[in-house]
Amino acid sequence: MTITIYHNPNCGTSRNTLAIIRQSGEEPEVIEYLKNPPSRERLVDLIAAMGMMPRQL
């Protein structure tokens, strides 16, 4: 399984989440979304995969 994190290194919650993933023994794919924002199509795919509506986020 590949873990992907959309990461903001200036955000404490994001840093903590990344640390927890790494402490579990996994090395995630890290995407700094402020430098490399996802396309609209990618966002639609991610929301569909979560089975949620955007307002539920």
PDB file of N, CA and C in Angstrom:
ATOM      1  N   MET A   1       0.845  -1.175   0.000  1.00  0.00           N
ATOM      2  CA  MET A   1       0.000   0.000   0.000  1.00  0.00           C
ATOM      3  C   MET A   1       0.892   1.239   0.000  1.00  0.00           C
ATOM      4  N   THR A   2       0.561   2.190  -0.825  1.00  0.00           N
ATOM      5  CA  THR A   2       1.284   3.449  -0.869  1.00  0.00           C
ATOM      6  C   THR A   2       0.502   4.496  -0.086  1.00  0.00           C
ATOM      7  N   ILE A   3       1.188   5.175   0.805  1.00  0.00           N
ATOM      8  CA  ILE A   3       0.582   6.259   1.572  1.00  0.00           C
ATOM      9  C   ILE A   3       1.028   7.568   0.950  1.00  0.00           C
ATOM     10  N   THR A   4       0.068   8.436   0.700  1.00  0.00           N
ATOM     11  CA  THR A   4       0.358   9.764   0.165  1.00  0.00           C
ATOM     12  C   THR A   4      -0.157  10.789   1.152  1.00  0.00           C
ATOM     13  N   ILE A   5       0.670  11.783   1.446  1.00  0.00           N
ATOM     14  CA  ILE A   5       0.245  12.872   2.314  1.00  0.00           C
ATOM     15  C   ILE A   5       0.421  14.180   1.554  1.00  0.00           C
ATOM     16  N   TYR A   6      -0.643  14.963   1.536  1.00  0.00           N
ATOM     17  CA  TYR A   6      -0.577  16.315   0.995  1.00  0.00           C
ATOM     18  C   TYR A   6      -0.153  17.182   2.169  1.00  0.00           C
ATOM     19  N   HIS A   7       1.078  17.638   2.134  1.00  0.00           N
ATOM     20  CA  HIS A   7       1.772  18.161   3.303  1.00  0.00           C
ATOM     21  C   HIS A   7       2.050  19.653   3.194  1.00  0.00           C
ATOM     22  N   ASN A   8       1.894  20.323   4.336  1.00  0.00           N
ATOM     23  CA  ASN A   8       2.307  21.718   4.474  1.00  0.00           C
ATOM     24  C   ASN A   8       3.329  21.744   5.603  1.00  0.00           C
ATOM     25  N   PRO A   9       4.610  21.903   5.289  1.00  0.00           N
ATOM     26  CA  PRO A   9       5.636  21.846   6.327  1.00  0.00           C
ATOM     27  C   PRO A   9       5.519  22.953   7.376  1.00  0.00           C
ATOM     28  N   ASN A  10       4.740  23.984   7.109  1.00  0.00           N
ATOM     29  CA  ASN A  10       4.539  25.056   8.085  1.00  0.00           C
ATOM     30  C   ASN A  10       3.384  24.774   9.040  1.00  0.00           C
ATOM     31  N   CYS A  11       2.697  23.666   8.841  1.00  0.00           N
ATOM     32  CA  CYS A  11       1.527  23.309   9.653  1.00  0.00           C
ATOM     33  C   CYS A  11       1.916  22.234  10.672  1.00  0.00           C
ATOM     34  N   GLY A  12       1.701  22.533  11.946  1.00  0.00           N
ATOM     35  CA  GLY A  12       2.045  21.587  12.998  1.00  0.00           C
ATOM     36  C   GLY A  12       1.289  20.276  12.888  1.00  0.00           C
ATOM     37  N   THR A  13       0.019  20.333  12.543  1.00  0.00           N
ATOM     38  CA  THR A  13      -0.772  19.111  12.398  1.00  0.00           C
ATOM     39  C   THR A  13      -0.229  18.253  11.263  1.00  0.00           C
ATOM     40  N   SER A  14       0.134  18.894  10.166  1.00  0.00           N
ATOM     41  CA  SER A  14       0.691  18.162   9.034  1.00  0.00           C
ATOM     42  C   SER A  14       2.036  17.531   9.403  1.00  0.00           C
ATOM     43  N   ARG A  15       2.882  18.277  10.099  1.00  0.00           N
ATOM     44  CA  ARG A  15       4.180  17.731  10.540  1.00  0.00           C
ATOM     45  C   ARG A  15       3.979  16.556  11.489  1.00  0.00           C
ATOM     46  N   ASN A  16       3.032  16.686  12.422  1.00  0.00           N
ATOM     47  CA  ASN A  16       2.768  15.598  13.369  1.00  0.00           C
ATOM     48  C   ASN A  16       2.242  14.358  12.656  1.00  0.00           C
ATOM     49  N   THR A  17       1.355  14.557  11.698  1.00  0.00           N
ATOM     50  CA  THR A  17       0.807  13.429  10.944  1.00  0.00           C
ATOM     51  C   THR A  17       1.905  12.725  10.160  1.00  0.00           C
ATOM     52  N   LEU A  18       2.772  13.487   9.530  1.00  0.00           N
ATOM     53  CA  LEU A  18       3.890  12.901   8.791  1.00  0.00           C
ATOM     54  C   LEU A  18       4.789  12.108   9.736  1.00  0.00           C
ATOM     55  N   ALA A  19       5.048  12.638  10.917  1.00  0.00           N
ATOM     56  CA  ALA A  19       5.886  11.933  11.895  1.00  0.00           C
ATOM     57  C   ALA A  19       5.238  10.621  12.331  1.00  0.00           C
ATOM     58  N   ILE A  20       3.929  10.628  12.553  1.00  0.00           N
ATOM     59  CA  ILE A  20       3.218   9.408  12.959  1.00  0.00           C
ATOM     60  C   ILE A  20       3.317   8.349  11.867  1.00  0.00           C
ATOM     61  N   ILE A  21       3.140   8.766  10.624  1.00  0.00           N
ATOM     62  CA  ILE A  21       3.248   7.815   9.508  1.00  0.00           C
ATOM     63  C   ILE A  21       4.646   7.210   9.481  1.00  0.00           C
ATOM     64  N   ARG A  22       5.651   8.049   9.602  1.00  0.00           N
ATOM     65  CA  ARG A  22       7.035   7.556   9.558  1.00  0.00           C
ATOM     66  C   ARG A  22       7.354   6.671  10.755  1.00  0.00           C
ATOM     67  N   GLN A  23       6.821   7.001  11.931  1.00  0.00           N
ATOM     68  CA  GLN A  23       7.053   6.176  13.119  1.00  0.00           C
ATOM     69  C   GLN A  23       6.418   4.796  12.977  1.00  0.00           C
ATOM     70  N   SER A  24       5.414   4.686  12.112  1.00  0.00           N
ATOM     71  CA  SER A  24       4.774   3.392  11.891  1.00  0.00           C
ATOM     72  C   SER A  24       5.622   2.494  10.989  1.00  0.00           C
ATOM     73  N   GLY A  25       6.723   3.052  10.477  1.00  0.00           N
ATOM     74  CA  GLY A  25       7.603   2.273   9.615  1.00  0.00           C
ATOM     75  C   GLY A  25       7.359   2.483   8.135  1.00  0.00           C
ATOM     76  N   GLU A  26       6.424   3.343   7.806  1.00  0.00           N
ATOM     77  CA  GLU A  26       6.117   3.628   6.402  1.00  0.00           C
ATOM     78  C   GLU A  26       6.817   4.911   5.972  1.00  0.00           C
ATOM     79  N   GLU A  27       7.189   4.967   4.715  1.00  0.00           N
ATOM     80  CA  GLU A  27       7.725   6.204   4.139  1.00  0.00           C
ATOM     81  C   GLU A  27       6.734   6.655   3.071  1.00  0.00           C
ATOM     82  N   PRO A  28       5.948   7.680   3.390  1.00  0.00           N
ATOM     83  CA  PRO A  28       4.898   8.096   2.461  1.00  0.00           C
ATOM     84  C   PRO A  28       5.435   8.909   1.291  1.00  0.00           C
ATOM     85  N   GLU A  29       4.620   8.978   0.258  1.00  0.00           N
ATOM     86  CA  GLU A  29       4.864   9.937  -0.812  1.00  0.00           C
ATOM     87  C   GLU A  29       4.395  11.282  -0.262  1.00  0.00           C
ATOM     88  N   VAL A  30       5.279  12.254  -0.225  1.00  0.00           N
ATOM     89  CA  VAL A  30       4.958  13.562   0.344  1.00  0.00           C
ATOM     90  C   VAL A  30       4.790  14.563  -0.792  1.00  0.00           C
ATOM     91  N   ILE A  31       3.616  15.165  -0.843  1.00  0.00           N
ATOM     92  CA  ILE A  31       3.335  16.186  -1.848  1.00  0.00           C
ATOM     93  C   ILE A  31       3.105  17.497  -1.109  1.00  0.00           C
ATOM     94  N   GLU A  32       3.993  18.444  -1.313  1.00  0.00           N
ATOM     95  CA  GLU A  32       3.811  19.763  -0.712  1.00  0.00           C
ATOM     96  C   GLU A  32       2.809  20.516  -1.578  1.00  0.00           C
ATOM     97  N   TYR A  33       1.555  20.499  -1.128  1.00  0.00           N
ATOM     98  CA  TYR A  33       0.465  20.984  -1.964  1.00  0.00           C
ATOM     99  C   TYR A  33       0.512  22.487  -2.230  1.00  0.00           C
ATOM    100  N   LEU A  34       1.233  23.246  -1.420  1.00  0.00           N
ATOM    101  CA  LEU A  34       1.345  24.678  -1.707  1.00  0.00           C
ATOM    102  C   LEU A  34       2.291  24.922  -2.885  1.00  0.00           C
ATOM    103  N   LYS A  35       3.272  24.038  -3.049  1.00  0.00           N
ATOM    104  CA  LYS A  35       4.202  24.140  -4.175  1.00  0.00           C
ATOM    105  C   LYS A  35       3.672  23.411  -5.404  1.00  0.00           C
ATOM    106  N   ASN A  36       2.957  22.315  -5.176  1.00  0.00           N
ATOM    107  CA  ASN A  36       2.447  21.461  -6.256  1.00  0.00           C
ATOM    108  C   ASN A  36       0.974  21.145  -6.008  1.00  0.00           C
ATOM    109  N   PRO A  37       0.089  22.113  -6.217  1.00  0.00           N
ATOM    110  CA  PRO A  37      -1.320  21.869  -5.924  1.00  0.00           C
ATOM    111  C   PRO A  37      -1.919  20.799  -6.840  1.00  0.00           C
ATOM    112  N   PRO A  38      -2.834  19.996  -6.292  1.00  0.00           N
ATOM    113  CA  PRO A  38      -3.479  18.984  -7.125  1.00  0.00           C
ATOM    114  C   PRO A  38      -4.409  19.646  -8.140  1.00  0.00           C
ATOM    115  N   SER A  39      -4.568  18.982  -9.258  1.00  0.00           N
ATOM    116  CA  SER A  39      -5.484  19.487 -10.284  1.00  0.00           C
ATOM    117  C   SER A  39      -6.924  19.299  -9.813  1.00  0.00           C
ATOM    118  N   ARG A  40      -7.830  19.962 -10.473  1.00  0.00           N
ATOM    119  CA  ARG A  40      -9.250  19.799 -10.156  1.00  0.00           C
ATOM    120  C   ARG A  40      -9.648  18.334 -10.311  1.00  0.00           C
ATOM    121  N   GLU A  41      -9.156  17.707 -11.374  1.00  0.00           N
ATOM    122  CA  GLU A  41      -9.467  16.296 -11.622  1.00  0.00           C
ATOM    123  C   GLU A  41      -8.973  15.415 -10.471  1.00  0.00           C
ATOM    124  N   ARG A  42      -7.784  15.685  -9.970  1.00  0.00           N
ATOM    125  CA  ARG A  42      -7.244  14.903  -8.855  1.00  0.00           C
ATOM    126  C   ARG A  42      -8.085  15.108  -7.596  1.00  0.00           C
ATOM    127  N   LEU A  43      -8.498  16.346  -7.343  1.00  0.00           N
ATOM    128  CA  LEU A  43      -9.353  16.618  -6.187  1.00  0.00           C
ATOM    129  C   LEU A  43     -10.678  15.871  -6.289  1.00  0.00           C
ATOM    130  N   VAL A  44     -11.265  15.863  -7.473  1.00  0.00           N
ATOM    131  CA  VAL A  44     -12.520  15.134  -7.686  1.00  0.00           C
ATOM    132  C   VAL A  44     -12.305  13.648  -7.401  1.00  0.00           C
ATOM    133  N   ASP A  45     -11.200  13.092  -7.878  1.00  0.00           N
ATOM    134  CA  ASP A  45     -10.889  11.675  -7.643  1.00  0.00           C
ATOM    135  C   ASP A  45     -10.709  11.383  -6.151  1.00  0.00           C
ATOM    136  N   LEU A  46      -9.998  12.259  -5.443  1.00  0.00           N
ATOM    137  CA  LEU A  46      -9.768  12.054  -4.009  1.00  0.00           C
ATOM    138  C   LEU A  46     -11.078  12.101  -3.223  1.00  0.00           C
ATOM    139  N   ILE A  47     -11.920  13.067  -3.543  1.00  0.00           N
ATOM    140  CA  ILE A  47     -13.206  13.189  -2.847  1.00  0.00           C
ATOM    141  C   ILE A  47     -14.077  11.971  -3.130  1.00  0.00           C
ATOM    142  N   ALA A  48     -14.079  11.513  -4.373  1.00  0.00           N
ATOM    143  CA  ALA A  48     -14.859  10.319  -4.722  1.00  0.00           C
ATOM    144  C   ALA A  48     -14.342   9.098  -3.963  1.00  0.00           C
ATOM    145  N   ALA A  49     -13.028   8.976  -3.838  1.00  0.00           N
ATOM    146  CA  ALA A  49     -12.443   7.837  -3.126  1.00  0.00           C
ATOM    147  C   ALA A  49     -12.814   7.848  -1.645  1.00  0.00           C
ATOM    148  N   MET A  50     -13.021   9.042  -1.079  1.00  0.00           N
ATOM    149  CA  MET A  50     -13.410   9.151   0.329  1.00  0.00           C
ATOM    150  C   MET A  50     -14.892   8.877   0.533  1.00  0.00           C
ATOM    151  N   GLY A  51     -15.664   8.918  -0.545  1.00  0.00           N
ATOM    152  CA  GLY A  51     -17.100   8.683  -0.427  1.00  0.00           C
ATOM    153  C   GLY A  51     -17.813   9.802   0.318  1.00  0.00           C
ATOM    154  N   MET A  52     -17.311  11.015   0.160  1.00  0.00           N
ATOM    155  CA  MET A  52     -17.878  12.166   0.860  1.00  0.00           C
ATOM    156  C   MET A  52     -18.213  13.265  -0.139  1.00  0.00           C
ATOM    157  N   MET A  53     -19.027  14.176   0.330  1.00  0.00           N
ATOM    158  CA  MET A  53     -19.288  15.384  -0.434  1.00  0.00           C
ATOM    159  C   MET A  53     -18.314  16.455   0.059  1.00  0.00           C
ATOM    160  N   PRO A  54     -17.916  17.384  -0.805  1.00  0.00           N
ATOM    161  CA  PRO A  54     -16.966  18.417  -0.381  1.00  0.00           C
ATOM    162  C   PRO A  54     -17.411  19.178   0.867  1.00  0.00           C
ATOM    163  N   ARG A  55     -18.690  19.413   1.031  1.00  0.00           N
ATOM    164  CA  ARG A  55     -19.174  20.140   2.215  1.00  0.00           C
ATOM    165  C   ARG A  55     -18.971  19.351   3.503  1.00  0.00           C
ATOM    166  N   GLN A  56     -18.800  18.041   3.390  1.00  0.00           N
ATOM    167  CA  GLN A  56     -18.585  17.208   4.571  1.00  0.00           C
ATOM    168  C   GLN A  56     -17.146  17.280   5.067  1.00  0.00           C
ATOM    169  N   LEU A  57     -16.278  17.840   4.253  1.00  0.00           N
ATOM    170  CA  LEU A  57     -14.879  17.942   4.655  1.00  0.00           C
ATOM    171  C   LEU A  57     -14.781  19.025   5.662  1.00  0.00           C
TER     172      LEU A  57
END
